[in-house]
């Protein structure tokens, strides 16, 4: 699988589009589904591995996760709520981003750090 061709198009959503996270994957409000097992298979193919528990990439700088879904990747972006709101919030963007990372780990998978 050609990684450049695979990433030429992707779907992008905000964190608010996530409906439910389970050990199998993430359901989005629009009916799309991020299947962790499928993502791990695609990751392995793209990276010429026999198998992997990696399901995508994360980037703390732009607060996003990109999952290796088929037929094209799905990006989940975490949006900041404004400087003042972020400063006083116990659940700021970085915290919400980190919580998704922890949930993925709890499900037995991981993401590759792009930063």
PDB file of N, CA and C in Angstrom:
ATOM      1  N   UNK A   1       0.848  -1.181   0.000  1.00  0.00           N
ATOM      2  CA  UNK A   1       0.000   0.000   0.000  1.00  0.00           C
ATOM      3  C   UNK A   1       0.889   1.238   0.000  1.00  0.00           C
ATOM      4  N   UNK A   2       0.642   2.160  -0.911  1.00  0.00           N
ATOM      5  CA  UNK A   2       1.413   3.386  -1.042  1.00  0.00           C
ATOM      6  C   UNK A   2       0.913   4.418  -0.028  1.00  0.00           C
ATOM      7  N   UNK A   3       1.766   4.743   0.940  1.00  0.00           N
ATOM      8  CA  UNK A   3       1.369   5.650   2.018  1.00  0.00           C
ATOM      9  C   UNK A   3       0.989   7.038   1.493  1.00  0.00           C
ATOM     10  N   UNK A   4       1.755   7.563   0.530  1.00  0.00           N
ATOM     11  CA  UNK A   4       1.454   8.899  -0.009  1.00  0.00           C
ATOM     12  C   UNK A   4       0.085   8.925  -0.684  1.00  0.00           C
ATOM     13  N   UNK A   5      -0.219   7.885  -1.452  1.00  0.00           N
ATOM     14  CA  UNK A   5      -1.514   7.819  -2.120  1.00  0.00           C
ATOM     15  C   UNK A   5      -2.643   7.643  -1.101  1.00  0.00           C
ATOM     16  N   UNK A   6      -2.385   6.814  -0.086  1.00  0.00           N
ATOM     17  CA  UNK A   6      -3.388   6.562   0.946  1.00  0.00           C
ATOM     18  C   UNK A   6      -3.770   7.844   1.679  1.00  0.00           C
ATOM     19  N   UNK A   7      -2.805   8.713   1.937  1.00  0.00           N
ATOM     20  CA  UNK A   7      -3.066   9.939   2.692  1.00  0.00           C
ATOM     21  C   UNK A   7      -3.414  11.131   1.816  1.00  0.00           C
ATOM     22  N   UNK A   8      -3.584  10.932   0.517  1.00  0.00           N
ATOM     23  CA  UNK A   8      -3.901  12.062  -0.350  1.00  0.00           C
ATOM     24  C   UNK A   8      -5.282  12.638  -0.042  1.00  0.00           C
ATOM     25  N   UNK A   9      -6.171  11.826   0.514  1.00  0.00           N
ATOM     26  CA  UNK A   9      -7.493  12.284   0.943  1.00  0.00           C
ATOM     27  C   UNK A   9      -7.788  11.711   2.320  1.00  0.00           C
ATOM     28  N   UNK A  10      -8.487  12.460   3.135  1.00  0.00           N
ATOM     29  CA  UNK A  10      -8.914  11.964   4.439  1.00  0.00           C
ATOM     30  C   UNK A  10     -10.159  12.707   4.881  1.00  0.00           C
ATOM     31  N   UNK A  11     -10.880  12.101   5.805  1.00  0.00           N
ATOM     32  CA  UNK A  11     -12.053  12.730   6.416  1.00  0.00           C
ATOM     33  C   UNK A  11     -11.578  13.415   7.691  1.00  0.00           C
ATOM     34  N   UNK A  12     -12.082  14.605   7.987  1.00  0.00           N
ATOM     35  CA  UNK A  12     -11.694  15.325   9.199  1.00  0.00           C
ATOM     36  C   UNK A  12     -12.932  15.721   9.994  1.00  0.00           C
ATOM     37  N   UNK A  13     -12.869  15.486  11.300  1.00  0.00           N
ATOM     38  CA  UNK A  13     -13.974  15.802  12.203  1.00  0.00           C
ATOM     39  C   UNK A  13     -13.397  16.398  13.481  1.00  0.00           C
ATOM     40  N   UNK A  14     -14.238  17.106  14.218  1.00  0.00           N
ATOM     41  CA  UNK A  14     -13.814  17.603  15.525  1.00  0.00           C
ATOM     42  C   UNK A  14     -14.141  16.547  16.577  1.00  0.00           C
ATOM     43  N   UNK A  15     -13.564  16.707  17.738  1.00  0.00           N
ATOM     44  CA  UNK A  15     -13.811  15.774  18.844  1.00  0.00           C
ATOM     45  C   UNK A  15     -15.292  15.701  19.202  1.00  0.00           C
ATOM     46  N   UNK A  16     -16.030  16.764  18.923  1.00  0.00           N
ATOM     47  CA  UNK A  16     -17.458  16.803  19.243  1.00  0.00           C
ATOM     48  C   UNK A  16     -18.268  15.811  18.412  1.00  0.00           C
ATOM     49  N   UNK A  17     -17.692  15.298  17.343  1.00  0.00           N
ATOM     50  CA  UNK A  17     -18.374  14.330  16.489  1.00  0.00           C
ATOM     51  C   UNK A  17     -18.269  12.900  17.035  1.00  0.00           C
ATOM     52  N   UNK A  18     -17.429  12.705  18.070  1.00  0.00           N
ATOM     53  CA  UNK A  18     -17.304  11.370  18.658  1.00  0.00           C
ATOM     54  C   UNK A  18     -18.536  11.093  19.512  1.00  0.00           C
ATOM     55  N   UNK A  19     -19.186   9.984  19.243  1.00  0.00           N
ATOM     56  CA  UNK A  19     -20.389   9.596  19.959  1.00  0.00           C
ATOM     57  C   UNK A  19     -20.066   8.652  21.106  1.00  0.00           C
ATOM     58  N   UNK A  20     -19.223   7.639  20.818  1.00  0.00           N
ATOM     59  CA  UNK A  20     -18.919   6.613  21.819  1.00  0.00           C
ATOM     60  C   UNK A  20     -17.560   5.991  21.513  1.00  0.00           C
ATOM     61  N   UNK A  21     -16.816   5.680  22.570  1.00  0.00           N
ATOM     62  CA  UNK A  21     -15.539   4.980  22.437  1.00  0.00           C
ATOM     63  C   UNK A  21     -15.658   3.662  23.196  1.00  0.00           C
ATOM     64  N   UNK A  22     -15.393   2.560  22.489  1.00  0.00           N
ATOM     65  CA  UNK A  22     -15.416   1.232  23.100  1.00  0.00           C
ATOM     66  C   UNK A  22     -14.089   0.543  22.812  1.00  0.00           C
ATOM     67  N   UNK A  23     -13.908  -0.666  23.316  1.00  0.00           N
ATOM     68  CA  UNK A  23     -12.669  -1.403  23.043  1.00  0.00           C
ATOM     69  C   UNK A  23     -12.542  -1.764  21.560  1.00  0.00           C
ATOM     70  N   UNK A  24     -13.655  -1.747  20.828  1.00  0.00           N
ATOM     71  CA  UNK A  24     -13.610  -2.064  19.399  1.00  0.00           C
ATOM     72  C   UNK A  24     -13.304  -0.841  18.529  1.00  0.00           C
ATOM     73  N   UNK A  25     -13.674   0.344  19.005  1.00  0.00           N
ATOM     74  CA  UNK A  25     -13.431   1.527  18.191  1.00  0.00           C
ATOM     75  C   UNK A  25     -14.218   2.742  18.625  1.00  0.00           C
ATOM     76  N   UNK A  26     -14.339   3.689  17.714  1.00  0.00           N
ATOM     77  CA  UNK A  26     -15.002   4.967  17.986  1.00  0.00           C
ATOM     78  C   UNK A  26     -16.168   5.146  17.015  1.00  0.00           C
ATOM     79  N   UNK A  27     -17.350   5.354  17.564  1.00  0.00           N
ATOM     80  CA  UNK A  27     -18.527   5.650  16.756  1.00  0.00           C
ATOM     81  C   UNK A  27     -18.640   7.169  16.633  1.00  0.00           C
ATOM     82  N   UNK A  28     -18.893   7.632  15.410  1.00  0.00           N
ATOM     83  CA  UNK A  28     -19.087   9.054  15.167  1.00  0.00           C
ATOM     84  C   UNK A  28     -20.570   9.342  14.997  1.00  0.00           C
ATOM     85  N   UNK A  29     -20.967  10.561  15.286  1.00  0.00           N
ATOM     86  CA  UNK A  29     -22.377  10.955  15.219  1.00  0.00           C
ATOM     87  C   UNK A  29     -22.985  10.795  13.834  1.00  0.00           C
ATOM     88  N   UNK A  30     -22.159  10.878  12.790  1.00  0.00           N
ATOM     89  CA  UNK A  30     -22.672  10.780  11.425  1.00  0.00           C
ATOM     90  C   UNK A  30     -22.840   9.332  10.958  1.00  0.00           C
ATOM     91  N   UNK A  31     -22.587   8.375  11.844  1.00  0.00           N
ATOM     92  CA  UNK A  31     -22.721   6.962  11.495  1.00  0.00           C
ATOM     93  C   UNK A  31     -21.421   6.292  11.092  1.00  0.00           C
ATOM     94  N   UNK A  32     -20.373   7.058  10.877  1.00  0.00           N
ATOM     95  CA  UNK A  32     -19.075   6.461  10.534  1.00  0.00           C
ATOM     96  C   UNK A  32     -18.505   5.778  11.778  1.00  0.00           C
ATOM     97  N   UNK A  33     -17.590   4.842  11.546  1.00  0.00           N
ATOM     98  CA  UNK A  33     -17.021   4.084  12.650  1.00  0.00           C
ATOM     99  C   UNK A  33     -15.529   3.890  12.430  1.00  0.00           C
ATOM    100  N   UNK A  34     -14.754   4.107  13.470  1.00  0.00           N
ATOM    101  CA  UNK A  34     -13.315   3.867  13.444  1.00  0.00           C
ATOM    102  C   UNK A  34     -13.084   2.531  14.137  1.00  0.00           C
ATOM    103  N   UNK A  35     -12.823   1.497  13.346  1.00  0.00           N
ATOM    104  CA  UNK A  35     -12.618   0.136  13.847  1.00  0.00           C
ATOM    105  C   UNK A  35     -11.134  -0.046  14.164  1.00  0.00           C
ATOM    106  N   UNK A  36     -10.809  -0.198  15.449  1.00  0.00           N
ATOM    107  CA  UNK A  36      -9.410  -0.288  15.862  1.00  0.00           C
ATOM    108  C   UNK A  36      -8.674  -1.471  15.225  1.00  0.00           C
ATOM    109  N   UNK A  37      -9.303  -2.628  15.147  1.00  0.00           N
ATOM    110  CA  UNK A  37      -8.653  -3.802  14.549  1.00  0.00           C
ATOM    111  C   UNK A  37      -8.327  -3.544  13.080  1.00  0.00           C
ATOM    112  N   UNK A  38      -9.278  -2.946  12.359  1.00  0.00           N
ATOM    113  CA  UNK A  38      -9.045  -2.614  10.951  1.00  0.00           C
ATOM    114  C   UNK A  38      -7.908  -1.605  10.814  1.00  0.00           C
ATOM    115  N   UNK A  39      -7.892  -0.594  11.678  1.00  0.00           N
ATOM    116  CA  UNK A  39      -6.833   0.416  11.643  1.00  0.00           C
ATOM    117  C   UNK A  39      -5.460  -0.224  11.865  1.00  0.00           C
ATOM    118  N   UNK A  40      -5.378  -1.175  12.784  1.00  0.00           N
ATOM    119  CA  UNK A  40      -4.111  -1.856  13.060  1.00  0.00           C
ATOM    120  C   UNK A  40      -3.651  -2.654  11.841  1.00  0.00           C
ATOM    121  N   UNK A  41      -4.584  -3.281  11.136  1.00  0.00           N
ATOM    122  CA  UNK A  41      -4.247  -4.025   9.916  1.00  0.00           C
ATOM    123  C   UNK A  41      -3.723  -3.086   8.836  1.00  0.00           C
ATOM    124  N   UNK A  42      -4.388  -1.956   8.653  1.00  0.00           N
ATOM    125  CA  UNK A  42      -3.959  -0.982   7.644  1.00  0.00           C
ATOM    126  C   UNK A  42      -2.596  -0.420   8.022  1.00  0.00           C
ATOM    127  N   UNK A  43      -2.396  -0.080   9.290  1.00  0.00           N
ATOM    128  CA  UNK A  43      -1.093   0.432   9.755  1.00  0.00           C
ATOM    129  C   UNK A  43       0.007  -0.565   9.411  1.00  0.00           C
ATOM    130  N   UNK A  44      -0.232  -1.843   9.694  1.00  0.00           N
ATOM    131  CA  UNK A  44       0.757  -2.877   9.415  1.00  0.00           C
ATOM    132  C   UNK A  44       1.074  -2.931   7.920  1.00  0.00           C
ATOM    133  N   UNK A  45       0.052  -2.882   7.070  1.00  0.00           N
ATOM    134  CA  UNK A  45       0.271  -2.923   5.610  1.00  0.00           C
ATOM    135  C   UNK A  45       1.058  -1.710   5.137  1.00  0.00           C
ATOM    136  N   UNK A  46       0.654  -0.532   5.581  1.00  0.00           N
ATOM    137  CA  UNK A  46       1.316   0.702   5.156  1.00  0.00           C
ATOM    138  C   UNK A  46       2.781   0.707   5.583  1.00  0.00           C
ATOM    139  N   UNK A  47       3.077   0.122   6.726  1.00  0.00           N
ATOM    140  CA  UNK A  47       4.439   0.129   7.263  1.00  0.00           C
ATOM    141  C   UNK A  47       5.177  -1.192   7.042  1.00  0.00           C
ATOM    142  N   UNK A  48       4.645  -2.034   6.163  1.00  0.00           N
ATOM    143  CA  UNK A  48       5.270  -3.315   5.792  1.00  0.00           C
ATOM    144  C   UNK A  48       5.586  -4.190   7.006  1.00  0.00           C
ATOM    145  N   UNK A  49       4.602  -4.322   7.890  1.00  0.00           N
ATOM    146  CA  UNK A  49       4.735  -5.161   9.074  1.00  0.00           C
ATOM    147  C   UNK A  49       3.749  -6.320   8.975  1.00  0.00           C
ATOM    148  N   UNK A  50       4.055  -7.415   9.660  1.00  0.00           N
ATOM    149  CA  UNK A  50       3.121  -8.540   9.673  1.00  0.00           C
ATOM    150  C   UNK A  50       1.887  -8.219  10.498  1.00  0.00           C
ATOM    151  N   UNK A  51       2.100  -7.583  11.644  1.00  0.00           N
ATOM    152  CA  UNK A  51       0.983  -7.170  12.487  1.00  0.00           C
ATOM    153  C   UNK A  51       1.416  -6.015  13.365  1.00  0.00           C
ATOM    154  N   UNK A  52       0.434  -5.330  13.938  1.00  0.00           N
ATOM    155  CA  UNK A  52       0.725  -4.174  14.780  1.00  0.00           C
ATOM    156  C   UNK A  52      -0.472  -3.868  15.663  1.00  0.00           C
ATOM    157  N   UNK A  53      -0.224  -3.199  16.755  1.00  0.00           N
ATOM    158  CA  UNK A  53      -1.293  -2.690  17.619  1.00  0.00           C
ATOM    159  C   UNK A  53      -1.440  -1.177  17.449  1.00  0.00           C
ATOM    160  N   UNK A  54      -0.663  -0.614  16.524  1.00  0.00           N
ATOM    161  CA  UNK A  54      -0.737   0.814  16.247  1.00  0.00           C
ATOM    162  C   UNK A  54      -1.913   1.055  15.308  1.00  0.00           C
ATOM    163  N   UNK A  55      -2.740   2.049  15.622  1.00  0.00           N
ATOM    164  CA  UNK A  55      -3.947   2.307  14.834  1.00  0.00           C
ATOM    165  C   UNK A  55      -3.930   3.651  14.120  1.00  0.00           C
ATOM    166  N   UNK A  56      -2.863   4.418  14.310  1.00  0.00           N
ATOM    167  CA  UNK A  56      -2.796   5.715  13.650  1.00  0.00           C
ATOM    168  C   UNK A  56      -1.711   6.590  14.224  1.00  0.00           C
ATOM    169  N   UNK A  57      -1.860   7.878  13.993  1.00  0.00           N
ATOM    170  CA  UNK A  57      -0.861   8.854  14.419  1.00  0.00           C
ATOM    171  C   UNK A  57      -1.519   9.922  15.281  1.00  0.00           C
ATOM    172  N   UNK A  58      -0.733  10.492  16.179  1.00  0.00           N
ATOM    173  CA  UNK A  58      -1.221  11.613  16.994  1.00  0.00           C
ATOM    174  C   UNK A  58      -0.216  12.751  16.890  1.00  0.00           C
ATOM    175  N   UNK A  59      -0.741  13.970  16.977  1.00  0.00           N
ATOM    176  CA  UNK A  59       0.104  15.150  16.892  1.00  0.00           C
ATOM    177  C   UNK A  59      -0.380  16.154  17.929  1.00  0.00           C
ATOM    178  N   UNK A  60       0.347  16.281  19.010  1.00  0.00           N
ATOM    179  CA  UNK A  60      -0.052  17.178  20.100  1.00  0.00           C
ATOM    180  C   UNK A  60       0.042  18.645  19.672  1.00  0.00           C
ATOM    181  N   UNK A  61       0.907  18.962  18.719  1.00  0.00           N
ATOM    182  CA  UNK A  61       1.064  20.348  18.282  1.00  0.00           C
ATOM    183  C   UNK A  61      -0.212  20.862  17.622  1.00  0.00           C
ATOM    184  N   UNK A  62      -0.824  20.045  16.757  1.00  0.00           N
ATOM    185  CA  UNK A  62      -2.081  20.487  16.146  1.00  0.00           C
ATOM    186  C   UNK A  62      -3.293  19.788  16.766  1.00  0.00           C
ATOM    187  N   UNK A  63      -3.081  19.091  17.878  1.00  0.00           N
ATOM    188  CA  UNK A  63      -4.154  18.448  18.648  1.00  0.00           C
ATOM    189  C   UNK A  63      -5.037  17.556  17.783  1.00  0.00           C
ATOM    190  N   UNK A  64      -4.399  16.581  17.125  1.00  0.00           N
ATOM    191  CA  UNK A  64      -5.166  15.703  16.252  1.00  0.00           C
ATOM    192  C   UNK A  64      -4.704  14.252  16.330  1.00  0.00           C
ATOM    193  N   UNK A  65      -5.633  13.360  16.028  1.00  0.00           N
ATOM    194  CA  UNK A  65      -5.364  11.941  15.831  1.00  0.00           C
ATOM    195  C   UNK A  65      -5.785  11.621  14.407  1.00  0.00           C
ATOM    196  N   UNK A  66      -4.982  10.850  13.698  1.00  0.00           N
ATOM    197  CA  UNK A  66      -5.351  10.367  12.377  1.00  0.00           C
ATOM    198  C   UNK A  66      -5.380   8.849  12.430  1.00  0.00           C
ATOM    199  N   UNK A  67      -6.552   8.289  12.219  1.00  0.00           N
ATOM    200  CA  UNK A  67      -6.754   6.848  12.301  1.00  0.00           C
ATOM    201  C   UNK A  67      -6.682   6.234  10.908  1.00  0.00           C
ATOM    202  N   UNK A  68      -6.032   5.083  10.794  1.00  0.00           N
ATOM    203  CA  UNK A  68      -5.816   4.404   9.514  1.00  0.00           C
ATOM    204  C   UNK A  68      -7.045   3.583   9.131  1.00  0.00           C
ATOM    205  N   UNK A  69      -8.125   4.255   8.809  1.00  0.00           N
ATOM    206  CA  UNK A  69      -9.379   3.610   8.419  1.00  0.00           C
ATOM    207  C   UNK A  69      -9.407   3.411   6.898  1.00  0.00           C
ATOM    208  N   UNK A  70     -10.310   2.564   6.461  1.00  0.00           N
ATOM    209  CA  UNK A  70     -10.539   2.362   5.031  1.00  0.00           C
ATOM    210  C   UNK A  70     -11.901   2.922   4.668  1.00  0.00           C
ATOM    211  N   UNK A  71     -12.096   3.515   3.533  1.00  0.00           N
ATOM    212  CA  UNK A  71     -11.173   3.562   2.414  1.00  0.00           C
ATOM    213  C   UNK A  71     -10.149   4.689   2.513  1.00  0.00           C
ATOM    214  N   UNK A  72     -10.325   5.616   3.468  1.00  0.00           N
ATOM    215  CA  UNK A  72      -9.343   6.676   3.665  1.00  0.00           C
ATOM    216  C   UNK A  72      -9.274   7.021   5.151  1.00  0.00           C
ATOM    217  N   UNK A  73      -8.177   7.623   5.587  1.00  0.00           N
ATOM    218  CA  UNK A  73      -7.989   7.940   7.008  1.00  0.00           C
ATOM    219  C   UNK A  73      -9.053   8.913   7.539  1.00  0.00           C
ATOM    220  N   UNK A  74      -9.268   8.827   8.844  1.00  0.00           N
ATOM    221  CA  UNK A  74     -10.153   9.753   9.541  1.00  0.00           C
ATOM    222  C   UNK A  74      -9.339  10.511  10.576  1.00  0.00           C
ATOM    223  N   UNK A  75      -9.412  11.839  10.507  1.00  0.00           N
ATOM    224  CA  UNK A  75      -8.725  12.693  11.473  1.00  0.00           C
ATOM    225  C   UNK A  75      -9.753  13.218  12.476  1.00  0.00           C
ATOM    226  N   UNK A  76      -9.374  13.165  13.754  1.00  0.00           N
ATOM    227  CA  UNK A  76     -10.165  13.779  14.823  1.00  0.00           C
ATOM    228  C   UNK A  76      -9.337  14.934  15.368  1.00  0.00           C
ATOM    229  N   UNK A  77      -9.889  16.127  15.288  1.00  0.00           N
ATOM    230  CA  UNK A  77      -9.190  17.338  15.704  1.00  0.00           C
ATOM    231  C   UNK A  77      -9.809  17.889  16.984  1.00  0.00           C
ATOM    232  N   UNK A  78      -8.966  18.265  17.927  1.00  0.00           N
ATOM    233  CA  UNK A  78      -9.393  18.876  19.180  1.00  0.00           C
ATOM    234  C   UNK A  78      -9.212  20.381  19.055  1.00  0.00           C
ATOM    235  N   UNK A  79     -10.303  21.129  19.225  1.00  0.00           N
ATOM    236  CA  UNK A  79     -10.270  22.577  19.054  1.00  0.00           C
ATOM    237  C   UNK A  79     -10.171  23.292  20.395  1.00  0.00           C
ATOM    238  N   UNK A  80      -9.337  24.329  20.415  1.00  0.00           N
ATOM    239  CA  UNK A  80      -9.209  25.136  21.627  1.00  0.00           C
ATOM    240  C   UNK A  80     -10.447  25.993  21.783  1.00  0.00           C
ATOM    241  N   UNK A  81     -10.781  26.308  23.034  1.00  0.00           N
ATOM    242  CA  UNK A  81     -12.008  27.048  23.335  1.00  0.00           C
ATOM    243  C   UNK A  81     -11.763  28.523  23.615  1.00  0.00           C
ATOM    244  N   UNK A  82     -10.600  29.028  23.305  1.00  0.00           N
ATOM    245  CA  UNK A  82     -10.267  30.416  23.598  1.00  0.00           C
ATOM    246  C   UNK A  82      -9.286  30.473  24.748  1.00  0.00           C
ATOM    247  N   UNK A  83      -8.416  31.460  24.743  1.00  0.00           N
ATOM    248  CA  UNK A  83      -7.337  31.539  25.740  1.00  0.00           C
ATOM    249  C   UNK A  83      -7.850  31.576  27.178  1.00  0.00           C
ATOM    250  N   UNK A  84      -8.836  32.401  27.446  1.00  0.00           N
ATOM    251  CA  UNK A  84      -9.337  32.525  28.808  1.00  0.00           C
ATOM    252  C   UNK A  84     -10.022  31.241  29.267  1.00  0.00           C
ATOM    253  N   UNK A  85     -10.844  30.674  28.412  1.00  0.00           N
ATOM    254  CA  UNK A  85     -11.536  29.425  28.739  1.00  0.00           C
ATOM    255  C   UNK A  85     -10.538  28.291  28.944  1.00  0.00           C
ATOM    256  N   UNK A  86      -9.508  28.231  28.105  1.00  0.00           N
ATOM    257  CA  UNK A  86      -8.482  27.192  28.238  1.00  0.00           C
ATOM    258  C   UNK A  86      -7.711  27.359  29.546  1.00  0.00           C
ATOM    259  N   UNK A  87      -7.424  28.603  29.901  1.00  0.00           N
ATOM    260  CA  UNK A  87      -6.639  28.875  31.103  1.00  0.00           C
ATOM    261  C   UNK A  87      -7.366  28.416  32.369  1.00  0.00           C
ATOM    262  N   UNK A  88      -8.663  28.644  32.440  1.00  0.00           N
ATOM    263  CA  UNK A  88      -9.416  28.319  33.643  1.00  0.00           C
ATOM    264  C   UNK A  88     -10.050  26.922  33.620  1.00  0.00           C
ATOM    265  N   UNK A  89     -10.012  26.268  32.496  1.00  0.00           N
ATOM    266  CA  UNK A  89     -10.663  24.963  32.370  1.00  0.00           C
ATOM    267  C   UNK A  89      -9.823  23.835  32.966  1.00  0.00           C
ATOM    268  N   UNK A  90     -10.487  22.950  33.700  1.00  0.00           N
ATOM    269  CA  UNK A  90      -9.818  21.740  34.181  1.00  0.00           C
ATOM    270  C   UNK A  90      -9.773  20.687  33.088  1.00  0.00           C
ATOM    271  N   UNK A  91     -10.536  20.925  32.028  1.00  0.00           N
ATOM    272  CA  UNK A  91     -10.616  19.984  30.920  1.00  0.00           C
ATOM    273  C   UNK A  91     -10.211  20.689  29.619  1.00  0.00           C
ATOM    274  N   UNK A  92      -8.988  21.256  29.620  1.00  0.00           N
ATOM    275  CA  UNK A  92      -8.525  21.993  28.452  1.00  0.00           C
ATOM    276  C   UNK A  92      -8.214  21.040  27.291  1.00  0.00           C
ATOM    277  N   UNK A  93      -7.833  21.602  26.171  1.00  0.00           N
ATOM    278  CA  UNK A  93      -7.603  20.834  24.953  1.00  0.00           C
ATOM    279  C   UNK A  93      -6.574  19.730  25.165  1.00  0.00           C
ATOM    280  N   UNK A  94      -5.476  20.057  25.795  1.00  0.00           N
ATOM    281  CA  UNK A  94      -4.421  19.066  26.029  1.00  0.00           C
ATOM    282  C   UNK A  94      -4.930  17.912  26.897  1.00  0.00           C
ATOM    283  N   UNK A  95      -5.720  18.235  27.879  1.00  0.00           N
ATOM    284  CA  UNK A  95      -6.286  17.206  28.771  1.00  0.00           C
ATOM    285  C   UNK A  95      -7.238  16.286  28.001  1.00  0.00           C
ATOM    286  N   UNK A  96      -8.101  16.853  27.180  1.00  0.00           N
ATOM    287  CA  UNK A  96      -9.037  16.048  26.383  1.00  0.00           C
ATOM    288  C   UNK A  96      -8.291  15.180  25.380  1.00  0.00           C
ATOM    289  N   UNK A  97      -7.266  15.744  24.752  1.00  0.00           N
ATOM    290  CA  UNK A  97      -6.417  15.007  23.811  1.00  0.00           C
ATOM    291  C   UNK A  97      -5.761  13.818  24.524  1.00  0.00           C
ATOM    292  N   UNK A  98      -5.178  14.089  25.666  1.00  0.00           N
ATOM    293  CA  UNK A  98      -4.501  13.045  26.448  1.00  0.00           C
ATOM    294  C   UNK A  98      -5.490  11.962  26.902  1.00  0.00           C
ATOM    295  N   UNK A  99      -6.711  12.355  27.257  1.00  0.00           N
ATOM    296  CA  UNK A  99      -7.724  11.368  27.661  1.00  0.00           C
ATOM    297  C   UNK A  99      -8.040  10.387  26.535  1.00  0.00           C
ATOM    298  N   UNK A 100      -8.122  10.874  25.289  1.00  0.00           N
ATOM    299  CA  UNK A 100      -8.360   9.946  24.180  1.00  0.00           C
ATOM    300  C   UNK A 100      -7.168   9.012  24.019  1.00  0.00           C
ATOM    301  N   UNK A 101      -5.979   9.548  24.146  1.00  0.00           N
ATOM    302  CA  UNK A 101      -4.776   8.707  24.055  1.00  0.00           C
ATOM    303  C   UNK A 101      -4.814   7.609  25.121  1.00  0.00           C
ATOM    304  N   UNK A 102      -5.184   7.948  26.349  1.00  0.00           N
ATOM    305  CA  UNK A 102      -5.270   6.954  27.431  1.00  0.00           C
ATOM    306  C   UNK A 102      -6.340   5.902  27.148  1.00  0.00           C
ATOM    307  N   UNK A 103      -7.480   6.322  26.605  1.00  0.00           N
ATOM    308  CA  UNK A 103      -8.545   5.367  26.272  1.00  0.00           C
ATOM    309  C   UNK A 103      -8.083   4.379  25.209  1.00  0.00           C
ATOM    310  N   UNK A 104      -7.344   4.870  24.224  1.00  0.00           N
ATOM    311  CA  UNK A 104      -6.814   3.996  23.177  1.00  0.00           C
ATOM    312  C   UNK A 104      -5.867   2.970  23.793  1.00  0.00           C
ATOM    313  N   UNK A 105      -5.010   3.395  24.696  1.00  0.00           N
ATOM    314  CA  UNK A 105      -4.075   2.494  25.372  1.00  0.00           C
ATOM    315  C   UNK A 105      -4.840   1.466  26.201  1.00  0.00           C
ATOM    316  N   UNK A 106      -5.867   1.915  26.928  1.00  0.00           N
ATOM    317  CA  UNK A 106      -6.687   1.002  27.730  1.00  0.00           C
ATOM    318  C   UNK A 106      -7.355  -0.067  26.863  1.00  0.00           C
ATOM    319  N   UNK A 107      -7.627   0.260  25.614  1.00  0.00           N
ATOM    320  CA  UNK A 107      -8.255  -0.687  24.678  1.00  0.00           C
ATOM    321  C   UNK A 107      -7.240  -1.657  24.076  1.00  0.00           C
ATOM    322  N   UNK A 108      -5.981  -1.485  24.409  1.00  0.00           N
ATOM    323  CA  UNK A 108      -4.947  -2.393  23.926  1.00  0.00           C
ATOM    324  C   UNK A 108      -4.268  -1.948  22.643  1.00  0.00           C
ATOM    325  N   UNK A 109      -4.454  -0.695  22.262  1.00  0.00           N
ATOM    326  CA  UNK A 109      -3.858  -0.179  21.037  1.00  0.00           C
ATOM    327  C   UNK A 109      -2.973   1.015  21.357  1.00  0.00           C
ATOM    328  N   UNK A 110      -2.322   1.546  20.323  1.00  0.00           N
ATOM    329  CA  UNK A 110      -1.469   2.705  20.507  1.00  0.00           C
ATOM    330  C   UNK A 110      -1.499   3.562  19.238  1.00  0.00           C
ATOM    331  N   UNK A 111      -0.994   4.773  19.348  1.00  0.00           N
ATOM    332  CA  UNK A 111      -0.841   5.654  18.199  1.00  0.00           C
ATOM    333  C   UNK A 111       0.598   6.114  18.134  1.00  0.00           C
ATOM    334  N   UNK A 112       1.058   6.421  16.946  1.00  0.00           N
ATOM    335  CA  UNK A 112       2.425   6.866  16.729  1.00  0.00           C
ATOM    336  C   UNK A 112       2.501   8.375  16.939  1.00  0.00           C
ATOM    337  N   UNK A 113       3.466   8.828  17.735  1.00  0.00           N
ATOM    338  CA  UNK A 113       3.628  10.245  18.036  1.00  0.00           C
ATOM    339  C   UNK A 113       4.359  10.938  16.890  1.00  0.00           C
ATOM    340  N   UNK A 114       3.686  11.878  16.236  1.00  0.00           N
ATOM    341  CA  UNK A 114       4.257  12.603  15.103  1.00  0.00           C
ATOM    342  C   UNK A 114       4.999  13.882  15.512  1.00  0.00           C
ATOM    343  N   UNK A 115       5.004  14.216  16.796  1.00  0.00           N
ATOM    344  CA  UNK A 115       5.658  15.454  17.221  1.00  0.00           C
ATOM    345  C   UNK A 115       7.078  15.227  17.655  1.00  0.00           C
TER     346      UNK A 115
END
